[in-house]
Amino acid sequence: MAIAVVGMLDEREDGLRLILEHIRKRGHQPIFMDISIGTGAIASDLRPDISSEELAQAGGTTIGQVREMLAKEREKATSAMAEGLGKKLIDLHESGKLQGVMAVGGMTGTFIALSAMKCLPFGIPKLLISSVAAMPAYAKRLAEFFGVRDITVMHSVVDTVGMNPLVRNLMINGAGAICGMVEGYEPPLEEGKPSIALTEFGFCDKGAHYVRELLEGDYNMVSFHATGIGERAAVDLVGQGLFEAFVDLVPAGFSEYLLGGNRAAGADRLDAGCNQGKPYILSPCGFDMISCGPIQRRDEGDSLWASRKLAERKLLVQDAMRVQARTSPEELKTIAKEVSDRLNKHTNKKLVKFVVPIKGFSSLSVEGGSLYEPESDRAFLDALKENLDSDIGIIEVDTHINTPEFARAIVDALKETM
């Protein structure tokens, strides 16, 4: 059993050596994997267990070709190394040898390591010491990894090249952290109950609570915060086949993608629910709004605000950062058609149910709510009926989303498909 240690030997030999020493002191076997992609001009006394040449070959190339790519095709070069590293980590994991993985890197090393760590399943200890993890300019790219994988990050503050008292503390703390995670690791319990994924956010909190209350006696309910990145995590884990069903109360990461909102979760937002061949229960919560904060965008000629004329719509300004604008009937028709196109591709359409609370898709669009506009909600339902395959059930519930009656309709639809 071993801990993989990943880093660039030609840049961080001193720190990596210290990590290896401290992991051995704790009674663990380190496997050092060198991801160096430089010219090879810097000689090192430390020898890796898996060389950069081996990783490059696993990624379908050679280290010489990787070095040639660096000047003009740097991303291609790093992708090859990341692919090779990921394959080696998976091999170690599947052979039962891998207890955890730790990486140290600057910009290039961080992205190579993250791409590879993302290949490992949830629960395996993963630690990254990085000098760039806190850079705002890379927040969106980094979120593609941190948002969908349980990767622990230590921001190094200083660069981790060479050796000095600060780097020494970082390396020792990092080694202690990964050893502690490995020593404290407990394998997943053998649960007698199947697991179900559930998306939710604050505008359907009561409805989601009622759903969980009705199901948690028979199922492990795993909730995902539908803020875009949380939905991507749901898609990722549902796509791994970890759940027996997906109750997608808030699929609005898809509508936000279509309209350009802050919670956009990508074009593939609905794919995992459609591709697994398992029960997929949806509601339209979140389709009734576009997340468009901060409010200062309204006065700065922001393209989303200007193109969709959001300032002329009903708005909920929760605070300076969080603003929700009402979706229009035309936008909801577009959402319904695009959603239908995706759902119609489900491998077994009778496993899909769309439950619509006709008196309010969220707490904002109920009567008296900030975004109350029943004619817009009706436009969505009419377009859904027009475009959705007849084998997919549409269940209309004469209530709003935050009621026990709506939750019961969701649960009944789930049990019918289960």
Protein backbone atom coordinates (compact mmCIF):
# COMPACT_ATOMS: atom_id res chain seq x y z
CA MET A 1 0.00 0.00 0.00
CA ALA A 2 1.44 3.37 -0.96
CA ILE A 3 1.05 7.13 -1.26
CA ALA A 4 1.77 8.62 -4.70
CA VAL A 5 3.85 11.81 -4.59
CA VAL A 6 3.70 13.93 -7.75
CA GLY A 7 5.94 16.83 -8.72
CA MET A 8 8.53 18.23 -11.10
CA LEU A 9 11.91 16.87 -10.08
CA ASP A 10 13.78 19.44 -12.15
CA GLU A 11 12.18 22.30 -10.18
CA ARG A 12 11.29 21.03 -6.70
CA GLU A 13 13.79 18.30 -5.80
CA ASP A 14 14.51 19.62 -2.29
CA GLY A 15 10.87 19.85 -1.27
CA LEU A 16 9.92 16.53 -2.84
CA ARG A 17 12.81 14.77 -1.10
CA LEU A 18 11.60 16.11 2.25
CA ILE A 19 8.05 14.90 1.58
CA LEU A 20 9.29 11.41 0.69
CA GLU A 21 11.41 11.25 3.84
CA HIS A 22 8.55 12.24 6.13
CA ILE A 23 6.09 9.83 4.50
CA ARG A 24 8.60 7.01 5.08
CA LYS A 25 9.05 8.12 8.71
CA ARG A 26 5.31 7.64 9.18
CA GLY A 27 5.63 4.05 7.98
CA HIS A 28 4.18 4.53 4.50
CA GLN A 29 5.65 3.70 1.10
CA PRO A 30 5.88 6.74 -1.20
CA ILE A 31 5.77 6.26 -4.96
CA PHE A 32 7.42 9.31 -6.53
CA MET A 33 6.08 10.23 -9.97
CA ASP A 34 8.10 12.83 -11.89
CA ILE A 35 6.10 15.18 -14.15
CA SER A 36 9.08 17.26 -15.31
CA ILE A 37 8.65 18.55 -18.86
CA GLY A 38 11.67 20.88 -19.09
CA THR A 39 14.78 20.45 -21.20
CA GLY A 40 16.30 17.89 -18.86
CA ALA A 41 19.37 20.09 -18.37
CA ILE A 42 19.01 20.16 -14.57
CA ALA A 43 20.56 17.00 -13.14
CA SER A 44 19.13 15.47 -10.00
CA ASP A 45 20.37 12.97 -7.46
CA LEU A 46 16.82 11.90 -6.60
CA ARG A 47 15.42 9.13 -8.77
CA PRO A 48 11.70 8.79 -9.40
CA ASP A 49 9.81 5.52 -9.12
CA ILE A 50 7.91 6.47 -12.26
CA SER A 51 9.78 8.78 -14.62
CA SER A 52 8.48 11.57 -16.82
CA GLU A 53 9.36 9.38 -19.81
CA GLU A 54 7.08 6.61 -18.52
CA LEU A 55 4.26 9.09 -17.92
CA ALA A 56 4.67 10.60 -21.39
CA GLN A 57 4.51 7.14 -22.96
CA ALA A 58 1.37 6.34 -20.98
CA GLY A 59 -0.05 9.56 -22.42
CA GLY A 60 0.65 8.39 -25.97
CA THR A 61 3.88 10.28 -26.70
CA THR A 62 7.50 10.58 -25.57
CA ILE A 63 9.14 13.05 -23.24
CA GLY A 64 11.20 14.31 -26.18
CA GLN A 65 8.05 15.09 -28.14
CA VAL A 66 6.51 16.72 -25.08
CA ARG A 67 9.50 19.04 -24.81
CA GLU A 68 9.28 19.89 -28.49
CA MET A 69 5.61 20.84 -28.05
CA LEU A 70 6.25 23.23 -25.18
CA ALA A 71 7.04 26.31 -27.23
CA LYS A 72 3.98 26.28 -29.51
CA GLU A 73 1.62 23.63 -28.14
CA ARG A 74 2.08 23.84 -24.39
CA GLU A 75 -1.47 22.76 -23.57
CA LYS A 76 -1.09 19.68 -25.76
CA ALA A 77 2.15 18.83 -23.97
CA THR A 78 0.67 19.19 -20.49
CA SER A 79 -2.47 17.26 -21.51
CA ALA A 80 -0.34 14.31 -22.59
CA MET A 81 1.49 14.29 -19.27
CA ALA A 82 -1.78 14.61 -17.35
CA GLU A 83 -3.27 11.72 -19.30
CA GLY A 84 -0.28 9.53 -18.58
CA LEU A 85 -0.26 10.46 -14.90
CA GLY A 86 -3.98 9.77 -14.64
CA LYS A 87 -3.58 6.32 -16.19
CA LYS A 88 -0.76 5.42 -13.81
CA LEU A 89 -2.78 6.57 -10.79
CA ILE A 90 -5.80 4.57 -11.93
CA ASP A 91 -3.63 1.49 -12.45
CA LEU A 92 -2.28 1.82 -8.91
CA HIS A 93 -5.77 2.33 -7.49
CA GLU A 94 -7.32 -0.60 -9.38
CA SER A 95 -4.50 -2.88 -8.29
CA GLY A 96 -5.30 -2.02 -4.67
CA LYS A 97 -1.93 -0.39 -3.99
CA LEU A 98 -2.89 3.28 -3.76
CA GLN A 99 -3.87 4.76 -0.40
CA GLY A 100 -3.64 8.40 -1.40
CA VAL A 101 -1.98 10.95 -3.67
CA MET A 102 -0.14 14.21 -2.96
CA ALA A 103 1.13 16.73 -5.52
CA VAL A 104 3.26 19.88 -5.34
CA GLY A 105 3.24 22.36 -8.20
CA GLY A 106 3.29 25.82 -9.67
CA MET A 107 0.99 26.69 -12.57
CA THR A 108 1.89 23.85 -14.93
CA GLY A 109 2.29 21.23 -12.22
CA THR A 110 -1.02 22.23 -10.64
CA PHE A 111 -3.03 21.67 -13.80
CA ILE A 112 -1.24 18.42 -14.70
CA ALA A 113 -1.84 17.07 -11.20
CA LEU A 114 -5.46 18.23 -10.99
CA SER A 115 -6.36 16.67 -14.34
CA ALA A 116 -4.92 13.35 -13.14
CA MET A 117 -6.40 13.50 -9.63
CA LYS A 118 -9.81 14.04 -11.19
CA CYS A 119 -9.60 10.49 -12.55
CA LEU A 120 -9.62 8.99 -9.05
CA PRO A 121 -12.93 8.15 -7.36
CA PHE A 122 -14.56 10.06 -4.53
CA GLY A 123 -13.10 9.30 -1.10
CA ILE A 124 -9.50 8.49 -2.04
CA PRO A 125 -7.33 11.05 -0.14
CA LYS A 126 -6.04 13.72 -2.54
CA LEU A 127 -3.87 16.67 -1.52
CA LEU A 128 -2.42 19.48 -3.63
CA ILE A 129 0.14 22.06 -2.48
CA SER A 130 -0.09 24.87 -5.03
CA SER A 131 1.15 28.42 -5.40
CA VAL A 132 -1.62 29.34 -7.88
CA ALA A 133 -4.79 27.84 -6.39
CA ALA A 134 -5.90 31.22 -5.04
CA MET A 135 -5.43 33.18 -8.30
CA PRO A 136 -8.75 34.89 -9.17
CA ALA A 137 -7.94 34.85 -12.89
CA TYR A 138 -7.95 31.04 -12.85
CA ALA A 139 -10.91 30.56 -10.51
CA LYS A 140 -13.26 29.30 -13.23
CA ARG A 141 -10.73 26.81 -14.59
CA LEU A 142 -9.76 25.58 -11.13
CA ALA A 143 -13.42 25.16 -10.21
CA GLU A 144 -13.68 22.54 -12.96
CA PHE A 145 -11.57 20.34 -10.68
CA PHE A 146 -12.33 21.48 -7.13
CA GLY A 147 -16.05 21.66 -7.89
CA VAL A 148 -16.41 18.01 -8.85
CA ARG A 149 -13.69 16.21 -6.90
CA ASP A 150 -12.78 16.01 -3.21
CA ILE A 151 -9.30 17.48 -3.61
CA THR A 152 -7.80 19.14 -0.52
CA VAL A 153 -5.72 22.24 -1.31
CA MET A 154 -2.91 23.89 0.64
CA HIS A 155 -2.16 27.34 -0.77
CA SER A 156 1.61 27.63 -0.51
CA VAL A 157 1.70 31.49 -0.35
CA VAL A 158 5.35 31.35 -1.46
CA ASP A 159 6.73 29.44 -4.43
CA THR A 160 7.86 25.92 -3.56
CA VAL A 161 11.16 25.90 -5.47
CA GLY A 162 14.40 25.53 -3.54
CA MET A 163 14.49 25.16 0.23
CA ASN A 164 13.97 27.70 2.98
CA PRO A 165 12.19 27.66 6.36
CA LEU A 166 8.78 28.44 4.81
CA VAL A 167 9.03 25.77 2.11
CA ARG A 168 10.26 23.30 4.72
CA ASN A 169 7.19 23.92 6.87
CA LEU A 170 4.91 23.51 3.86
CA MET A 171 6.43 20.20 2.81
CA ILE A 172 6.38 18.76 6.33
CA ASN A 173 2.81 19.90 6.90
CA GLY A 174 1.77 18.49 3.55
CA ALA A 175 3.37 15.13 4.24
CA GLY A 176 1.71 15.06 7.64
CA ALA A 177 -1.64 15.95 6.11
CA ILE A 178 -1.66 13.20 3.48
CA CYS A 179 -0.40 10.64 6.01
CA GLY A 180 -3.11 11.67 8.44
CA MET A 181 -5.78 11.39 5.75
CA VAL A 182 -4.51 7.95 4.76
CA GLU A 183 -4.25 6.74 8.36
CA GLY A 184 -7.73 8.00 9.15
CA TYR A 185 -9.30 6.65 5.98
CA GLU A 186 -12.28 4.37 6.40
CA PRO A 187 -13.68 2.52 3.38
CA PRO A 188 -17.28 3.33 2.43
CA LEU A 189 -19.78 1.50 4.58
CA GLU A 190 -21.76 -1.26 2.96
CA GLU A 191 -25.15 0.39 2.94
CA GLY A 192 -28.31 -1.64 2.78
CA LYS A 193 -30.13 1.32 1.24
CA PRO A 194 -29.64 2.54 -2.35
CA SER A 195 -28.59 6.16 -2.89
CA ILE A 196 -30.51 8.87 -4.72
CA ALA A 197 -29.09 12.20 -5.95
CA LEU A 198 -31.11 15.35 -5.29
CA THR A 199 -30.51 18.91 -6.52
CA GLU A 200 -31.84 21.81 -4.48
CA PHE A 201 -31.26 25.44 -3.53
CA GLY A 202 -32.74 28.09 -1.30
CA PHE A 203 -35.77 28.85 -3.45
CA CYS A 204 -37.11 25.30 -3.05
CA ASP A 205 -35.68 24.48 0.36
CA LYS A 206 -38.97 23.40 1.94
CA GLY A 207 -39.97 21.29 -1.03
CA ALA A 208 -36.58 19.56 -0.99
CA HIS A 209 -36.91 19.00 2.77
CA TYR A 210 -40.27 17.33 2.31
CA VAL A 211 -38.86 15.10 -0.44
CA ARG A 212 -35.94 14.03 1.74
CA GLU A 213 -38.27 13.41 4.67
CA LEU A 214 -40.42 11.07 2.58
CA LEU A 215 -37.49 9.15 1.09
CA GLU A 216 -34.72 8.99 3.67
CA GLY A 217 -36.20 5.96 5.42
CA ASP A 218 -35.64 3.83 2.31
CA TYR A 219 -32.80 5.67 0.54
CA ASN A 220 -29.57 7.52 1.22
CA MET A 221 -30.35 11.03 0.01
CA VAL A 222 -27.30 12.89 -1.37
CA SER A 223 -28.02 16.58 -1.98
CA PHE A 224 -26.19 18.86 -4.41
CA HIS A 225 -26.36 22.66 -4.15
CA ALA A 226 -27.70 23.85 -7.50
CA THR A 227 -25.37 26.79 -7.97
CA GLY A 228 -23.87 25.71 -11.28
CA ILE A 229 -20.73 24.11 -9.92
CA GLY A 230 -22.77 21.96 -7.54
CA GLU A 231 -24.81 20.74 -10.48
CA ARG A 232 -21.65 19.84 -12.35
CA ALA A 233 -20.64 17.75 -9.37
CA ALA A 234 -24.04 16.05 -9.51
CA VAL A 235 -23.64 15.35 -13.21
CA ASP A 236 -20.17 13.96 -12.62
CA LEU A 237 -21.15 11.60 -9.80
CA VAL A 238 -24.46 10.56 -11.37
CA GLY A 239 -22.49 9.83 -14.53
CA GLN A 240 -20.28 7.44 -12.53
CA GLY A 241 -23.34 5.31 -11.78
CA LEU A 242 -23.26 5.93 -8.02
CA PHE A 243 -27.02 6.49 -7.69
CA GLU A 244 -30.13 4.44 -8.34
CA ALA A 245 -32.09 7.54 -9.37
CA PHE A 246 -31.73 11.27 -9.90
CA VAL A 247 -34.32 13.66 -8.46
CA ASP A 248 -33.42 16.87 -10.27
CA LEU A 249 -35.53 19.49 -8.52
CA VAL A 250 -33.35 22.32 -9.85
CA PRO A 251 -32.03 21.61 -13.37
CA ALA A 252 -31.59 25.34 -13.91
CA GLY A 253 -27.87 25.07 -14.58
CA PHE A 254 -29.05 24.13 -18.07
CA SER A 255 -31.32 27.15 -18.54
CA GLU A 256 -28.61 29.41 -17.12
CA TYR A 257 -26.25 27.95 -19.72
CA LEU A 258 -28.76 28.71 -22.48
CA LEU A 259 -29.42 32.26 -21.29
CA GLY A 260 -25.97 33.22 -19.97
CA GLY A 261 -26.68 33.30 -16.23
CA ASN A 262 -24.24 32.98 -13.34
CA ARG A 263 -25.26 29.43 -12.44
CA ALA A 264 -24.53 27.98 -15.89
CA ALA A 265 -23.53 24.32 -15.64
CA GLY A 266 -22.76 23.61 -19.30
CA ALA A 267 -24.39 22.10 -22.37
CA ASP A 268 -24.15 18.59 -20.88
CA ARG A 269 -26.08 19.50 -17.72
CA LEU A 270 -28.90 16.99 -18.40
CA ASP A 271 -26.80 14.28 -20.02
CA ALA A 272 -26.00 12.20 -16.94
CA GLY A 273 -29.67 11.89 -16.05
CA CYS A 274 -30.45 10.78 -19.59
CA ASN A 275 -27.52 8.44 -20.25
CA GLN A 276 -27.62 6.18 -17.20
CA GLY A 277 -30.84 4.36 -18.07
CA LYS A 278 -32.14 4.96 -14.55
CA PRO A 279 -35.12 6.89 -13.12
CA TYR A 280 -34.84 10.61 -13.76
CA ILE A 281 -37.40 12.86 -12.04
CA LEU A 282 -37.34 16.59 -12.79
CA SER A 283 -39.11 19.78 -11.81
CA PRO A 284 -38.76 23.24 -13.43
CA CYS A 285 -37.41 25.00 -10.34
CA GLY A 286 -34.98 27.75 -11.33
CA PHE A 287 -36.25 28.01 -14.89
CA ASP A 288 -38.28 31.00 -13.67
CA MET A 289 -35.19 33.14 -13.09
CA ILE A 290 -31.79 34.19 -14.41
CA SER A 291 -28.97 34.71 -11.93
CA CYS A 292 -27.42 38.00 -13.06
CA GLY A 293 -25.64 39.67 -10.14
CA PRO A 294 -23.87 41.70 -9.00
CA ILE A 295 -26.33 44.56 -9.36
CA GLN A 296 -23.61 46.94 -10.60
CA ARG A 297 -23.68 45.09 -13.94
CA ARG A 298 -26.98 46.81 -14.62
CA ASP A 299 -25.30 50.21 -14.75
CA GLU A 300 -22.11 49.17 -16.55
CA GLY A 301 -23.49 48.21 -19.96
CA ASP A 302 -23.12 44.51 -19.16
CA SER A 303 -23.82 42.39 -22.24
CA LEU A 304 -26.26 40.03 -20.51
CA TRP A 305 -28.24 42.85 -18.94
CA ALA A 306 -28.26 44.83 -22.18
CA SER A 307 -29.06 42.02 -24.61
CA ARG A 308 -31.91 40.60 -22.51
CA LYS A 309 -33.09 43.98 -21.17
CA LEU A 310 -33.01 42.65 -17.62
CA ALA A 311 -33.39 46.08 -16.03
CA GLU A 312 -36.92 46.22 -17.47
CA ARG A 313 -37.96 42.96 -15.80
CA LYS A 314 -39.09 41.91 -12.37
CA LEU A 315 -36.01 41.55 -10.18
CA LEU A 316 -35.13 40.14 -6.80
CA VAL A 317 -32.09 41.90 -5.40
CA GLN A 318 -31.08 39.72 -2.47
CA ASP A 319 -27.91 41.73 -1.88
CA ALA A 320 -25.27 43.52 -3.95
CA MET A 321 -23.94 40.22 -5.29
CA ARG A 322 -27.08 38.14 -5.78
CA VAL A 323 -29.73 39.25 -8.25
CA GLN A 324 -32.46 37.15 -9.92
CA ALA A 325 -34.31 38.40 -13.01
CA ARG A 326 -37.60 36.92 -14.20
CA THR A 327 -37.43 34.78 -17.35
CA SER A 328 -39.73 35.80 -20.19
CA PRO A 329 -42.35 33.60 -21.90
CA GLU A 330 -40.17 33.35 -25.01
CA GLU A 331 -37.15 32.32 -23.00
CA LEU A 332 -39.20 29.68 -21.19
CA LYS A 333 -40.45 28.30 -24.50
CA THR A 334 -36.83 27.99 -25.63
CA ILE A 335 -35.87 26.30 -22.38
CA ALA A 336 -38.76 23.84 -22.69
CA LYS A 337 -37.82 22.92 -26.25
CA GLU A 338 -34.13 22.46 -25.46
CA VAL A 339 -34.89 20.46 -22.32
CA SER A 340 -37.28 18.27 -24.29
CA ASP A 341 -34.66 17.62 -26.96
CA ARG A 342 -32.29 16.32 -24.26
CA LEU A 343 -34.85 14.27 -22.34
CA ASN A 344 -36.16 12.69 -25.53
CA LYS A 345 -32.77 10.98 -25.86
CA HIS A 346 -33.17 9.02 -22.61
CA THR A 347 -32.52 5.34 -23.26
CA ASN A 348 -35.78 4.37 -21.52
CA LYS A 349 -38.21 7.28 -21.65
CA LYS A 350 -40.69 5.66 -19.28
CA LEU A 351 -38.13 6.22 -16.53
CA VAL A 352 -38.40 10.00 -16.97
CA LYS A 353 -41.09 12.05 -15.20
CA PHE A 354 -41.44 15.84 -15.26
CA VAL A 355 -43.36 17.10 -12.24
CA VAL A 356 -44.64 20.68 -12.65
CA PRO A 357 -45.99 22.70 -9.68
CA ILE A 358 -48.35 24.98 -11.58
CA LYS A 359 -48.72 27.55 -8.78
CA GLY A 360 -45.05 28.41 -8.57
CA PHE A 361 -41.78 26.89 -9.82
CA SER A 362 -39.93 28.40 -6.85
CA SER A 363 -40.59 30.53 -3.78
CA LEU A 364 -40.06 33.59 -6.00
CA SER A 365 -42.78 32.82 -8.54
CA VAL A 366 -45.65 31.98 -6.17
CA GLU A 367 -48.49 34.45 -5.88
CA GLY A 368 -47.14 37.47 -4.04
CA GLY A 369 -43.55 36.50 -4.83
CA SER A 370 -41.02 38.88 -6.36
CA LEU A 371 -41.07 37.05 -9.71
CA TYR A 372 -44.74 36.03 -9.81
CA GLU A 373 -45.70 35.76 -13.48
CA PRO A 374 -48.03 32.79 -14.08
CA GLU A 375 -48.37 33.45 -17.82
CA SER A 376 -44.64 32.83 -18.24
CA ASP A 377 -44.81 29.59 -16.27
CA ARG A 378 -47.74 28.51 -18.43
CA ALA A 379 -45.71 29.20 -21.58
CA PHE A 380 -43.10 26.73 -20.33
CA LEU A 381 -45.66 24.03 -19.56
CA ASP A 382 -47.39 24.43 -22.94
CA ALA A 383 -44.08 24.21 -24.81
CA LEU A 384 -43.03 21.20 -22.73
CA LYS A 385 -46.23 19.37 -23.67
CA GLU A 386 -45.70 20.27 -27.31
CA ASN A 387 -42.09 19.07 -27.51
CA LEU A 388 -41.65 16.28 -24.97
CA ASP A 389 -41.95 12.69 -26.16
CA SER A 390 -45.31 11.18 -25.23
CA ASP A 391 -43.56 8.32 -23.40
CA ILE A 392 -42.23 10.83 -20.87
CA GLY A 393 -44.80 11.61 -18.20
CA ILE A 394 -45.72 15.21 -17.39
CA ILE A 395 -47.35 15.44 -13.96
CA GLU A 396 -49.11 18.71 -13.15
CA VAL A 397 -49.56 19.42 -9.45
CA ASP A 398 -52.06 22.08 -8.36
CA THR A 399 -49.74 23.65 -5.80
CA HIS A 400 -46.35 25.37 -5.59
CA ILE A 401 -42.97 23.71 -5.15
CA ASN A 402 -42.56 24.24 -1.39
CA THR A 403 -45.47 22.10 -0.26
CA PRO A 404 -45.86 18.54 1.04
CA GLU A 405 -48.27 17.88 -1.83
CA PHE A 406 -45.60 18.64 -4.41
CA ALA A 407 -43.07 16.48 -2.57
CA ARG A 408 -45.57 13.62 -2.51
CA ALA A 409 -46.01 13.93 -6.29
CA ILE A 410 -42.22 13.74 -6.75
CA VAL A 411 -41.98 10.67 -4.54
CA ASP A 412 -44.92 8.95 -6.24
CA ALA A 413 -43.31 9.56 -9.64
CA LEU A 414 -40.04 8.14 -8.36
CA LYS A 415 -41.64 5.04 -6.89
CA GLU A 416 -43.52 4.43 -10.11
CA THR A 417 -40.27 4.41 -12.07
CA MET A 418 -38.30 2.49 -9.40
